[in-house]
Amino acid sequence: PAGTARRGARAPRRAATVRASAGDRADPVSGPDVQVIADSSAKPGVPMSVSRRRALAVSAAAAAAAFLDASSRPALAEFQTSNEYMPSLEGKDYGKSKYVYPDFVQLPDGLQYKTMKEGTGAEMTSGKKAVIDWDGYTLGYYGRPFEARNKSKGGAFTGDDKEFVRFTADDPKIIPAFREAVLGMRAGEIRRVIVPGGSELSYPQGRKWKTMGPQPSNFSGERALGFVLENEGMIDKTLLFDIELIRVDDK
């Protein structure tokens, strides 16, 4: 029928109709059988490529305006923490107060000591060898013990009697605080010594502390002392020792 033929002839033209908008990225299609229906945002009579360029220009302008608005606001600070070692802080007290105990004798290099028990035996001098027993505590960090004198005192400090420590006043394998503290002591005397954290009187920094004595005699004490000395944070490394001079030997 004639109506069916006319509908069939219009079908290809409808199929070839292209709906385009200013944001369409397809290439413009041209031809006698193609009808371009522009979006309402495009002006009549203006080619589609021009409308696309204008739309891209408007988008770029909006993005630039958003960037300028964001850059005008104060940026929020982002804080990050790390345990990175900073050499510039080495030897500093991090603003902490240095404790001075009024009943202790304070030496010019910062060492403080107090006689807890008087001795009556031979005096320790630079030409002699000291035989000592000792206690150790992390005074600046919860006062945890890392060594017990003579026999065990419960907890992790169990087992046989430990070996006494022997050294001279110029022994480079012993920390300076011990070499200085025993001078002038008499056999039988007990002297309490406070060593400032981070000073040259104490153990070396980091894992090097194991290179100098005296060393804890068991694993628990080694772990307690190592935690403080190897910690790179702002932790107080002040140590307290009780040194008992057992006897004085010749070199």
C-alpha atoms as a PDB file:
ATOM      1  CA  PRO A   1       0.000   0.000   0.000  1.00  0.00           C
ATOM      2  CA  ALA A   2       0.983   3.634  -0.524  1.00  0.00           C
ATOM      3  CA  GLY A   3       1.026   4.395   3.240  1.00  0.00           C
ATOM      4  CA  THR A   4       3.396   1.527   3.944  1.00  0.00           C
ATOM      5  CA  ALA A   5       5.765   2.678   1.203  1.00  0.00           C
ATOM      6  CA  ARG A   6       5.892   6.229   2.562  1.00  0.00           C
ATOM      7  CA  ARG A   7       6.608   4.967   6.125  1.00  0.00           C
ATOM      8  CA  GLY A   8       9.366   2.741   4.771  1.00  0.00           C
ATOM      9  CA  ALA A   9      10.965   5.672   2.945  1.00  0.00           C
ATOM     10  CA  ARG A  10      11.028   7.834   6.066  1.00  0.00           C
ATOM     11  CA  ALA A  11      12.629   5.111   8.198  1.00  0.00           C
ATOM     12  CA  PRO A  12      16.160   5.527   6.787  1.00  0.00           C
ATOM     13  CA  ARG A  13      16.060   9.287   7.387  1.00  0.00           C
ATOM     14  CA  ARG A  14      15.001   8.766  11.013  1.00  0.00           C
ATOM     15  CA  ALA A  15      17.724   6.164  11.474  1.00  0.00           C
ATOM     16  CA  ALA A  16      20.279   8.597  10.138  1.00  0.00           C
ATOM     17  CA  THR A  17      19.200  11.392  12.459  1.00  0.00           C
ATOM     18  CA  VAL A  18      22.002  12.359  14.844  1.00  0.00           C
ATOM     19  CA  ARG A  19      21.314  13.933  18.208  1.00  0.00           C
ATOM     20  CA  ALA A  20      24.316  16.014  19.137  1.00  0.00           C
ATOM     21  CA  SER A  21      25.082  18.256  22.070  1.00  0.00           C
ATOM     22  CA  ALA A  22      27.835  20.685  22.869  1.00  0.00           C
ATOM     23  CA  GLY A  23      29.631  18.029  24.974  1.00  0.00           C
ATOM     24  CA  ASP A  24      29.409  15.253  22.345  1.00  0.00           C
ATOM     25  CA  ARG A  25      32.863  14.113  21.282  1.00  0.00           C
ATOM     26  CA  ALA A  26      31.766  12.300  18.115  1.00  0.00           C
ATOM     27  CA  ASP A  27      32.981  13.799  14.851  1.00  0.00           C
ATOM     28  CA  PRO A  28      30.328  15.840  12.992  1.00  0.00           C
ATOM     29  CA  VAL A  29      28.452  13.806  10.433  1.00  0.00           C
ATOM     30  CA  SER A  30      27.408  15.369   7.190  1.00  0.00           C
ATOM     31  CA  GLY A  31      25.469  14.158   4.209  1.00  0.00           C
ATOM     32  CA  PRO A  32      22.252  14.682   2.354  1.00  0.00           C
ATOM     33  CA  ASP A  33      20.369  12.129   4.447  1.00  0.00           C
ATOM     34  CA  VAL A  34      21.596  13.301   7.874  1.00  0.00           C
ATOM     35  CA  GLN A  35      19.741  15.815   9.998  1.00  0.00           C
ATOM     36  CA  VAL A  36      21.652  17.356  12.923  1.00  0.00           C
ATOM     37  CA  ILE A  37      19.444  18.207  15.883  1.00  0.00           C
ATOM     38  CA  ALA A  38      21.373  20.578  18.123  1.00  0.00           C
ATOM     39  CA  ASP A  39      21.043  20.582  21.881  1.00  0.00           C
ATOM     40  CA  SER A  40      19.092  23.391  23.471  1.00  0.00           C
ATOM     41  CA  SER A  41      22.335  24.862  24.783  1.00  0.00           C
ATOM     42  CA  ALA A  42      23.670  25.347  21.252  1.00  0.00           C
ATOM     43  CA  LYS A  43      22.543  28.387  19.284  1.00  0.00           C
ATOM     44  CA  PRO A  44      20.598  27.790  16.043  1.00  0.00           C
ATOM     45  CA  GLY A  45      22.685  28.058  12.900  1.00  0.00           C
ATOM     46  CA  VAL A  46      26.005  27.609  14.749  1.00  0.00           C
ATOM     47  CA  PRO A  47      28.054  24.554  13.707  1.00  0.00           C
ATOM     48  CA  MET A  48      28.416  21.822  16.344  1.00  0.00           C
ATOM     49  CA  SER A  49      32.222  22.112  16.474  1.00  0.00           C
ATOM     50  CA  VAL A  50      31.940  25.754  17.574  1.00  0.00           C
ATOM     51  CA  SER A  51      29.493  24.846  20.335  1.00  0.00           C
ATOM     52  CA  ARG A  52      31.873  22.135  21.528  1.00  0.00           C
ATOM     53  CA  ARG A  53      34.759  24.574  21.738  1.00  0.00           C
ATOM     54  CA  ARG A  54      32.663  27.008  23.737  1.00  0.00           C
ATOM     55  CA  ALA A  55      31.592  24.289  26.138  1.00  0.00           C
ATOM     56  CA  LEU A  56      35.213  23.252  26.691  1.00  0.00           C
ATOM     57  CA  ALA A  57      36.160  26.879  27.291  1.00  0.00           C
ATOM     58  CA  VAL A  58      33.385  27.228  29.889  1.00  0.00           C
ATOM     59  CA  SER A  59      34.531  24.021  31.638  1.00  0.00           C
ATOM     60  CA  ALA A  60      38.137  25.248  31.743  1.00  0.00           C
ATOM     61  CA  ALA A  61      37.051  28.594  33.181  1.00  0.00           C
ATOM     62  CA  ALA A  62      35.009  26.844  35.889  1.00  0.00           C
ATOM     63  CA  ALA A  63      37.973  24.625  36.819  1.00  0.00           C
ATOM     64  CA  ALA A  64      40.290  27.640  37.051  1.00  0.00           C
ATOM     65  CA  ALA A  65      37.808  29.469  39.278  1.00  0.00           C
ATOM     66  CA  ALA A  66      37.549  26.444  41.584  1.00  0.00           C
ATOM     67  CA  PHE A  67      41.364  26.222  41.830  1.00  0.00           C
ATOM     68  CA  LEU A  68      41.710  29.910  42.705  1.00  0.00           C
ATOM     69  CA  ASP A  69      39.011  29.601  45.339  1.00  0.00           C
ATOM     70  CA  ALA A  70      40.723  26.608  46.916  1.00  0.00           C
ATOM     71  CA  SER A  71      44.163  28.247  46.877  1.00  0.00           C
ATOM     72  CA  SER A  72      42.816  31.308  48.666  1.00  0.00           C
ATOM     73  CA  ARG A  73      41.827  29.234  51.695  1.00  0.00           C
ATOM     74  CA  PRO A  74      44.392  28.364  54.409  1.00  0.00           C
ATOM     75  CA  ALA A  75      45.688  24.842  53.931  1.00  0.00           C
ATOM     76  CA  LEU A  76      45.181  22.331  56.735  1.00  0.00           C
ATOM     77  CA  ALA A  77      48.444  21.124  58.264  1.00  0.00           C
ATOM     78  CA  GLU A  78      49.098  17.393  58.109  1.00  0.00           C
ATOM     79  CA  PHE A  79      51.176  16.031  60.970  1.00  0.00           C
ATOM     80  CA  GLN A  80      53.341  12.948  60.626  1.00  0.00           C
ATOM     81  CA  THR A  81      55.287  11.166  63.292  1.00  0.00           C
ATOM     82  CA  SER A  82      58.358   9.018  62.823  1.00  0.00           C
ATOM     83  CA  ASN A  83      61.248   7.607  64.777  1.00  0.00           C
ATOM     84  CA  GLU A  84      63.899   8.938  62.450  1.00  0.00           C
ATOM     85  CA  TYR A  85      67.177   9.700  64.215  1.00  0.00           C
ATOM     86  CA  MET A  86      68.012  13.425  64.135  1.00  0.00           C
ATOM     87  CA  PRO A  87      71.703  14.175  64.812  1.00  0.00           C
ATOM     88  CA  SER A  88      70.915  17.840  65.502  1.00  0.00           C
ATOM     89  CA  LEU A  89      69.153  16.784  68.718  1.00  0.00           C
ATOM     90  CA  GLU A  90      72.005  14.628  69.969  1.00  0.00           C
ATOM     91  CA  GLY A  91      73.191  15.599  73.436  1.00  0.00           C
ATOM     92  CA  LYS A  92      70.252  17.925  74.055  1.00  0.00           C
ATOM     93  CA  ASP A  93      68.049  17.638  77.133  1.00  0.00           C
ATOM     94  CA  TYR A  94      64.858  18.300  75.055  1.00  0.00           C
ATOM     95  CA  GLY A  95      63.858  21.132  77.370  1.00  0.00           C
ATOM     96  CA  LYS A  96      63.629  18.922  80.459  1.00  0.00           C
ATOM     97  CA  SER A  97      64.826  20.216  83.785  1.00  0.00           C
ATOM     98  CA  LYS A  98      68.062  18.791  85.114  1.00  0.00           C
ATOM     99  CA  TYR A  99      67.455  17.385  88.552  1.00  0.00           C
ATOM    100  CA  VAL A 100      69.895  18.377  91.273  1.00  0.00           C
ATOM    101  CA  TYR A 101      69.534  16.418  94.493  1.00  0.00           C
ATOM    102  CA  PRO A 102      70.481  18.575  97.487  1.00  0.00           C
ATOM    103  CA  ASP A 103      71.877  15.668  99.536  1.00  0.00           C
ATOM    104  CA  PHE A 104      74.158  14.534  96.707  1.00  0.00           C
ATOM    105  CA  VAL A 105      77.625  15.772  95.869  1.00  0.00           C
ATOM    106  CA  GLN A 106      77.588  17.273  92.384  1.00  0.00           C
ATOM    107  CA  LEU A 107      80.780  17.223  90.342  1.00  0.00           C
ATOM    108  CA  PRO A 108      81.558  19.746  87.572  1.00  0.00           C
ATOM    109  CA  ASP A 109      80.913  17.206  84.799  1.00  0.00           C
ATOM    110  CA  GLY A 110      77.361  16.558  86.051  1.00  0.00           C
ATOM    111  CA  LEU A 111      77.952  13.352  88.008  1.00  0.00           C
ATOM    112  CA  GLN A 112      76.135  13.220  91.369  1.00  0.00           C
ATOM    113  CA  TYR A 113      76.888  10.794  94.157  1.00  0.00           C
ATOM    114  CA  LYS A 114      75.987  10.096  97.767  1.00  0.00           C
ATOM    115  CA  THR A 115      77.624   7.774 100.294  1.00  0.00           C
ATOM    116  CA  MET A 116      75.027   5.258 101.478  1.00  0.00           C
ATOM    117  CA  LYS A 117      77.384   3.271 103.698  1.00  0.00           C
ATOM    118  CA  GLU A 118      80.819   4.200 104.969  1.00  0.00           C
ATOM    119  CA  GLY A 119      83.777   1.925 104.284  1.00  0.00           C
ATOM    120  CA  THR A 120      86.725   1.213 106.531  1.00  0.00           C
ATOM    121  CA  GLY A 121      89.033  -0.706 104.205  1.00  0.00           C
ATOM    122  CA  ALA A 122      91.696   0.302 101.697  1.00  0.00           C
ATOM    123  CA  GLU A 123      91.113   3.403  99.608  1.00  0.00           C
ATOM    124  CA  MET A 124      90.687   3.169  95.840  1.00  0.00           C
ATOM    125  CA  THR A 125      93.223   5.276  93.950  1.00  0.00           C
ATOM    126  CA  SER A 126      94.282   5.646  90.328  1.00  0.00           C
ATOM    127  CA  GLY A 127      97.067   3.095  90.756  1.00  0.00           C
ATOM    128  CA  LYS A 128      94.816   0.318  92.080  1.00  0.00           C
ATOM    129  CA  LYS A 129      92.135  -2.059  90.758  1.00  0.00           C
ATOM    130  CA  ALA A 130      88.569  -1.871  92.118  1.00  0.00           C
ATOM    131  CA  VAL A 131      86.492  -4.995  92.721  1.00  0.00           C
ATOM    132  CA  ILE A 132      82.858  -3.953  92.878  1.00  0.00           C
ATOM    133  CA  ASP A 133      79.266  -5.153  92.939  1.00  0.00           C
ATOM    134  CA  TRP A 134      76.486  -2.933  91.632  1.00  0.00           C
ATOM    135  CA  ASP A 135      72.802  -2.176  91.184  1.00  0.00           C
ATOM    136  CA  GLY A 136      71.377  -0.361  88.159  1.00  0.00           C
ATOM    137  CA  TYR A 137      68.081   1.474  87.597  1.00  0.00           C
ATOM    138  CA  THR A 138      66.587   3.464  84.722  1.00  0.00           C
ATOM    139  CA  LEU A 139      65.930   6.443  86.964  1.00  0.00           C
ATOM    140  CA  GLY A 140      64.525   8.620  84.167  1.00  0.00           C
ATOM    141  CA  TYR A 141      62.166   5.902  82.925  1.00  0.00           C
ATOM    142  CA  TYR A 142      59.988   4.461  85.700  1.00  0.00           C
ATOM    143  CA  GLY A 143      63.005   3.525  87.839  1.00  0.00           C
ATOM    144  CA  ARG A 144      63.152  -0.015  86.469  1.00  0.00           C
ATOM    145  CA  PRO A 145      65.991  -2.212  87.767  1.00  0.00           C
ATOM    146  CA  PHE A 146      68.343  -3.762  85.234  1.00  0.00           C
ATOM    147  CA  GLU A 147      70.913  -5.202  87.630  1.00  0.00           C
ATOM    148  CA  ALA A 148      70.819  -6.479  91.216  1.00  0.00           C
ATOM    149  CA  ARG A 149      73.716  -6.513  93.651  1.00  0.00           C
ATOM    150  CA  ASN A 150      75.203  -9.823  94.782  1.00  0.00           C
ATOM    151  CA  LYS A 151      72.383 -12.348  95.259  1.00  0.00           C
ATOM    152  CA  SER A 152      69.048 -12.411  93.456  1.00  0.00           C
ATOM    153  CA  LYS A 153      66.309 -10.101  94.686  1.00  0.00           C
ATOM    154  CA  GLY A 154      63.260 -11.830  93.232  1.00  0.00           C
ATOM    155  CA  GLY A 155      61.475 -11.301  89.939  1.00  0.00           C
ATOM    156  CA  ALA A 156      63.704 -11.951  86.953  1.00  0.00           C
ATOM    157  CA  PHE A 157      66.923 -11.617  88.962  1.00  0.00           C
ATOM    158  CA  THR A 158      67.321 -15.279  89.874  1.00  0.00           C
ATOM    159  CA  GLY A 159      70.178 -17.742  89.718  1.00  0.00           C
ATOM    160  CA  ASP A 160      73.684 -18.010  91.104  1.00  0.00           C
ATOM    161  CA  ASP A 161      75.737 -15.172  92.497  1.00  0.00           C
ATOM    162  CA  LYS A 162      77.142 -13.051  89.698  1.00  0.00           C
ATOM    163  CA  GLU A 163      80.767 -12.287  89.023  1.00  0.00           C
ATOM    164  CA  PHE A 164      82.188  -9.123  90.557  1.00  0.00           C
ATOM    165  CA  VAL A 165      83.357  -6.376  88.209  1.00  0.00           C
ATOM    166  CA  ARG A 166      87.064  -5.545  88.198  1.00  0.00           C
ATOM    167  CA  PHE A 167      88.590  -2.473  86.596  1.00  0.00           C
ATOM    168  CA  THR A 168      91.151   0.271  87.015  1.00  0.00           C
ATOM    169  CA  ALA A 169      90.461   4.004  86.980  1.00  0.00           C
ATOM    170  CA  ASP A 170      91.726   4.282  83.400  1.00  0.00           C
ATOM    171  CA  ASP A 171      90.000   1.199  81.950  1.00  0.00           C
ATOM    172  CA  PRO A 172      88.460   2.283  78.592  1.00  0.00           C
ATOM    173  CA  LYS A 173      86.007  -0.637  78.634  1.00  0.00           C
ATOM    174  CA  ILE A 174      84.161   0.744  81.671  1.00  0.00           C
ATOM    175  CA  ILE A 175      81.850   3.762  81.443  1.00  0.00           C
ATOM    176  CA  PRO A 176      83.446   6.989  82.781  1.00  0.00           C
ATOM    177  CA  ALA A 177      80.842   7.344  85.550  1.00  0.00           C
ATOM    178  CA  PHE A 178      82.095   4.166  87.272  1.00  0.00           C
ATOM    179  CA  ARG A 179      85.764   5.002  86.843  1.00  0.00           C
ATOM    180  CA  GLU A 180      85.211   8.417  88.390  1.00  0.00           C
ATOM    181  CA  ALA A 181      82.814   7.326  91.131  1.00  0.00           C
ATOM    182  CA  VAL A 182      85.082   4.699  92.723  1.00  0.00           C
ATOM    183  CA  LEU A 183      88.013   7.072  93.231  1.00  0.00           C
ATOM    184  CA  GLY A 184      88.259   7.910  96.913  1.00  0.00           C
ATOM    185  CA  MET A 185      85.978   5.060  98.001  1.00  0.00           C
ATOM    186  CA  ARG A 186      87.096   2.672 100.740  1.00  0.00           C
ATOM    187  CA  ALA A 187      86.483  -1.059 100.773  1.00  0.00           C
ATOM    188  CA  GLY A 188      83.039  -1.804 102.193  1.00  0.00           C
ATOM    189  CA  GLU A 189      81.635   1.559 101.086  1.00  0.00           C
ATOM    190  CA  ILE A 190      78.417   1.846  99.046  1.00  0.00           C
ATOM    191  CA  ARG A 191      78.060   4.914  96.874  1.00  0.00           C
ATOM    192  CA  ARG A 192      74.877   5.904  95.035  1.00  0.00           C
ATOM    193  CA  VAL A 193      75.607   7.523  91.672  1.00  0.00           C
ATOM    194  CA  ILE A 194      73.300   9.438  89.307  1.00  0.00           C
ATOM    195  CA  VAL A 195      74.439   9.652  85.686  1.00  0.00           C
ATOM    196  CA  PRO A 196      72.796  12.310  83.466  1.00  0.00           C
ATOM    197  CA  GLY A 197      71.128  10.933  80.357  1.00  0.00           C
ATOM    198  CA  GLY A 198      72.939  11.515  77.076  1.00  0.00           C
ATOM    199  CA  SER A 199      76.175  12.594  78.765  1.00  0.00           C
ATOM    200  CA  GLU A 200      79.640  11.220  78.028  1.00  0.00           C
ATOM    201  CA  LEU A 201      79.663   9.704  81.516  1.00  0.00           C
ATOM    202  CA  SER A 202      77.099   7.100  80.502  1.00  0.00           C
ATOM    203  CA  TYR A 203      76.934   4.306  77.944  1.00  0.00           C
ATOM    204  CA  PRO A 204      77.337   5.090  74.236  1.00  0.00           C
ATOM    205  CA  GLN A 205      74.228   5.939  72.243  1.00  0.00           C
ATOM    206  CA  GLY A 206      72.195   3.294  70.425  1.00  0.00           C
ATOM    207  CA  ARG A 207      73.300  -0.320  70.196  1.00  0.00           C
ATOM    208  CA  LYS A 208      76.898   0.662  70.958  1.00  0.00           C
ATOM    209  CA  TRP A 209      76.043   0.641  74.664  1.00  0.00           C
ATOM    210  CA  LYS A 210      76.875  -3.085  74.654  1.00  0.00           C
ATOM    211  CA  THR A 211      80.518  -2.296  73.936  1.00  0.00           C
ATOM    212  CA  MET A 212      81.162  -0.885  77.423  1.00  0.00           C
ATOM    213  CA  GLY A 213      80.742  -2.236  80.932  1.00  0.00           C
ATOM    214  CA  PRO A 214      79.459  -2.991  83.313  1.00  0.00           C
ATOM    215  CA  GLN A 215      76.811  -5.051  81.507  1.00  0.00           C
ATOM    216  CA  PRO A 216      73.641  -6.548  83.013  1.00  0.00           C
ATOM    217  CA  SER A 217      74.180 -10.168  84.021  1.00  0.00           C
ATOM    218  CA  ASN A 218      70.865 -11.521  82.680  1.00  0.00           C
ATOM    219  CA  PHE A 219      68.502 -11.117  79.757  1.00  0.00           C
ATOM    220  CA  SER A 220      65.804  -9.231  81.678  1.00  0.00           C
ATOM    221  CA  GLY A 221      68.256  -6.571  82.776  1.00  0.00           C
ATOM    222  CA  GLU A 222      69.761  -6.320  79.308  1.00  0.00           C
ATOM    223  CA  ARG A 223      66.315  -5.813  77.776  1.00  0.00           C
ATOM    224  CA  ALA A 224      65.316  -3.158  80.343  1.00  0.00           C
ATOM    225  CA  LEU A 225      68.514  -1.131  79.869  1.00  0.00           C
ATOM    226  CA  GLY A 226      68.574  -1.620  76.095  1.00  0.00           C
ATOM    227  CA  PHE A 227      65.017  -0.347  75.728  1.00  0.00           C
ATOM    228  CA  VAL A 228      66.021   2.986  77.260  1.00  0.00           C
ATOM    229  CA  LEU A 229      69.434   3.433  75.667  1.00  0.00           C
ATOM    230  CA  GLU A 230      68.368   2.341  72.171  1.00  0.00           C
ATOM    231  CA  ASN A 231      65.174   4.389  72.175  1.00  0.00           C
ATOM    232  CA  GLU A 232      65.456   7.270  69.696  1.00  0.00           C
ATOM    233  CA  GLY A 233      62.487   9.162  71.071  1.00  0.00           C
ATOM    234  CA  MET A 234      62.472  11.882  73.720  1.00  0.00           C
ATOM    235  CA  ILE A 235      62.946   9.501  76.624  1.00  0.00           C
ATOM    236  CA  ASP A 236      64.914  10.389  79.744  1.00  0.00           C
ATOM    237  CA  LYS A 237      68.043   8.208  79.830  1.00  0.00           C
ATOM    238  CA  THR A 238      69.176   9.187  83.345  1.00  0.00           C
ATOM    239  CA  LEU A 239      70.571   6.169  85.207  1.00  0.00           C
ATOM    240  CA  LEU A 240      71.099   5.424  88.886  1.00  0.00           C
ATOM    241  CA  PHE A 241      73.745   3.032  90.222  1.00  0.00           C
ATOM    242  CA  ASP A 242      74.569   1.695  93.663  1.00  0.00           C
ATOM    243  CA  ILE A 243      78.266   0.784  93.671  1.00  0.00           C
ATOM    244  CA  GLU A 244      79.669  -1.356  96.455  1.00  0.00           C
ATOM    245  CA  LEU A 245      83.446  -1.505  96.691  1.00  0.00           C
ATOM    246  CA  ILE A 246      84.208  -5.087  97.739  1.00  0.00           C
ATOM    247  CA  ARG A 247      87.961  -4.656  97.929  1.00  0.00           C
ATOM    248  CA  VAL A 248      90.940  -2.861  96.384  1.00  0.00           C
ATOM    249  CA  ASP A 249      93.593  -4.895  94.560  1.00  0.00           C
ATOM    250  CA  ASP A 250      96.930  -4.025  93.083  1.00  0.00           C
ATOM    251  CA  LYS A 251      97.062  -3.780  89.314  1.00  0.00           C
END
